[in-house]
Amino acid sequence: MGRFRWIALIAVVLAGAAFLVAYTFQKARPDIPSDATHLDARARPADCMTCHGPSGGNPRSPNHPPGRGNCEQCHYWAGEPR
């Protein structure tokens, strides 16, 4: 493989990696609603899984990344600055 082909291959791989990183950060993460139910749970973050756990009434989607028990690591409260 010639030198130009190696450079082109490396450029394509780096462009693909940059695209994936940019795409990851562009995906909108839903806000946490500021209604009474969610504001009550704000004081007790573990309560989120009561509704959003596998057996809850509104479980997280199957493609949701594994959580660490703190929804505020990725999600923001509606109406609050980011």
C-alpha atoms as a PDB file:
ATOM      1  CA  MET A   1       0.000   0.000   0.000  1.00  0.00           C
ATOM      2  CA  GLY A   2       1.430   3.344  -0.992  1.00  0.00           C
ATOM      3  CA  ARG A   3       2.090   6.192   1.364  1.00  0.00           C
ATOM      4  CA  PHE A   4      -0.884   8.200   0.029  1.00  0.00           C
ATOM      5  CA  ARG A   5      -3.248   5.290   0.676  1.00  0.00           C
ATOM      6  CA  TRP A   6      -2.086   4.981   4.284  1.00  0.00           C
ATOM      7  CA  ILE A   7      -2.608   8.693   4.831  1.00  0.00           C
ATOM      8  CA  ALA A   8      -6.051   8.492   3.214  1.00  0.00           C
ATOM      9  CA  LEU A   9      -6.993   5.481   5.350  1.00  0.00           C
ATOM     10  CA  ILE A  10      -5.885   7.220   8.551  1.00  0.00           C
ATOM     11  CA  ALA A  11      -7.801  10.363   7.542  1.00  0.00           C
ATOM     12  CA  VAL A  12     -10.989   8.355   6.934  1.00  0.00           C
ATOM     13  CA  VAL A  13     -10.679   6.548  10.277  1.00  0.00           C
ATOM     14  CA  LEU A  14     -10.074   9.808  12.150  1.00  0.00           C
ATOM     15  CA  ALA A  15     -12.997  11.505  10.378  1.00  0.00           C
ATOM     16  CA  GLY A  16     -15.254   8.584  11.285  1.00  0.00           C
ATOM     17  CA  ALA A  17     -14.187   8.717  14.920  1.00  0.00           C
ATOM     18  CA  ALA A  18     -14.742  12.491  15.028  1.00  0.00           C
ATOM     19  CA  PHE A  19     -18.210  12.032  13.519  1.00  0.00           C
ATOM     20  CA  LEU A  20     -19.166   9.435  16.139  1.00  0.00           C
ATOM     21  CA  VAL A  21     -17.995  11.660  18.996  1.00  0.00           C
ATOM     22  CA  ALA A  22     -19.856  14.669  17.577  1.00  0.00           C
ATOM     23  CA  TYR A  23     -23.018  12.600  17.008  1.00  0.00           C
ATOM     24  CA  THR A  24     -22.923  11.327  20.587  1.00  0.00           C
ATOM     25  CA  PHE A  25     -22.889  14.848  21.999  1.00  0.00           C
ATOM     26  CA  GLN A  26     -25.551  16.124  19.582  1.00  0.00           C
ATOM     27  CA  LYS A  27     -28.230  13.704  20.747  1.00  0.00           C
ATOM     28  CA  ALA A  28     -30.714  15.575  22.903  1.00  0.00           C
ATOM     29  CA  ARG A  29     -31.165  14.198  26.355  1.00  0.00           C
ATOM     30  CA  PRO A  30     -34.703  14.658  27.667  1.00  0.00           C
ATOM     31  CA  ASP A  31     -35.202  17.112  30.487  1.00  0.00           C
ATOM     32  CA  ILE A  32     -36.526  15.951  33.833  1.00  0.00           C
ATOM     33  CA  PRO A  33     -39.989  17.511  34.168  1.00  0.00           C
ATOM     34  CA  SER A  34     -40.450  20.050  36.950  1.00  0.00           C
ATOM     35  CA  ASP A  35     -43.815  18.699  38.047  1.00  0.00           C
ATOM     36  CA  ALA A  36     -44.731  17.760  41.618  1.00  0.00           C
ATOM     37  CA  THR A  37     -43.953  14.051  41.201  1.00  0.00           C
ATOM     38  CA  HIS A  38     -40.465  14.651  39.845  1.00  0.00           C
ATOM     39  CA  LEU A  39     -39.678  17.470  42.276  1.00  0.00           C
ATOM     40  CA  ASP A  40     -40.523  15.134  45.171  1.00  0.00           C
ATOM     41  CA  ALA A  41     -38.125  12.563  43.724  1.00  0.00           C
ATOM     42  CA  ARG A  42     -35.404  15.215  43.393  1.00  0.00           C
ATOM     43  CA  ALA A  43     -34.779  14.983  47.114  1.00  0.00           C
ATOM     44  CA  ARG A  44     -34.456  11.194  46.792  1.00  0.00           C
ATOM     45  CA  PRO A  45     -32.815  10.334  43.427  1.00  0.00           C
ATOM     46  CA  ALA A  46     -33.080   6.596  44.099  1.00  0.00           C
ATOM     47  CA  ASP A  47     -36.874   6.986  43.839  1.00  0.00           C
ATOM     48  CA  CYS A  48     -36.503   7.598  40.077  1.00  0.00           C
ATOM     49  CA  MET A  49     -36.205   3.862  39.531  1.00  0.00           C
ATOM     50  CA  THR A  50     -39.623   3.308  41.148  1.00  0.00           C
ATOM     51  CA  CYS A  51     -41.178   4.549  37.890  1.00  0.00           C
ATOM     52  CA  HIS A  52     -38.256   4.342  35.469  1.00  0.00           C
ATOM     53  CA  GLY A  53     -36.859   0.952  36.512  1.00  0.00           C
ATOM     54  CA  PRO A  54     -37.610  -2.272  34.587  1.00  0.00           C
ATOM     55  CA  SER A  55     -40.845  -2.960  36.487  1.00  0.00           C
ATOM     56  CA  GLY A  56     -41.988   0.668  36.748  1.00  0.00           C
ATOM     57  CA  GLY A  57     -44.834   2.361  34.954  1.00  0.00           C
ATOM     58  CA  ASN A  58     -42.528   4.302  32.619  1.00  0.00           C
ATOM     59  CA  PRO A  59     -39.322   2.238  32.283  1.00  0.00           C
ATOM     60  CA  ARG A  60     -36.209   3.488  30.521  1.00  0.00           C
ATOM     61  CA  SER A  61     -35.894   2.386  26.910  1.00  0.00           C
ATOM     62  CA  PRO A  62     -33.806  -0.711  26.122  1.00  0.00           C
ATOM     63  CA  ASN A  63     -31.150   1.471  24.459  1.00  0.00           C
ATOM     64  CA  HIS A  64     -30.725   3.697  27.537  1.00  0.00           C
ATOM     65  CA  PRO A  65     -27.132   3.501  28.786  1.00  0.00           C
ATOM     66  CA  PRO A  66     -26.638   1.804  32.135  1.00  0.00           C
ATOM     67  CA  GLY A  67     -27.288   4.287  34.910  1.00  0.00           C
ATOM     68  CA  ARG A  68     -25.241   4.911  37.984  1.00  0.00           C
ATOM     69  CA  GLY A  69     -28.224   5.885  40.108  1.00  0.00           C
ATOM     70  CA  ASN A  70     -27.880   9.608  39.444  1.00  0.00           C
ATOM     71  CA  CYS A  71     -30.099  10.798  36.593  1.00  0.00           C
ATOM     72  CA  GLU A  72     -28.714  14.341  36.937  1.00  0.00           C
ATOM     73  CA  GLN A  73     -25.371  13.207  35.530  1.00  0.00           C
ATOM     74  CA  CYS A  74     -26.912  13.302  32.044  1.00  0.00           C
ATOM     75  CA  HIS A  75     -30.388  14.851  32.360  1.00  0.00           C
ATOM     76  CA  TYR A  76     -31.202  18.425  33.322  1.00  0.00           C
ATOM     77  CA  TRP A  77     -34.189  19.821  35.165  1.00  0.00           C
ATOM     78  CA  ALA A  78     -36.636  21.566  32.823  1.00  0.00           C
ATOM     79  CA  GLY A  79     -36.239  25.333  32.937  1.00  0.00           C
ATOM     80  CA  GLU A  80     -32.866  25.321  34.695  1.00  0.00           C
ATOM     81  CA  PRO A  81     -29.658  26.554  33.058  1.00  0.00           C
ATOM     82  CA  ARG A  82     -27.314  23.993  31.602  1.00  0.00           C
END
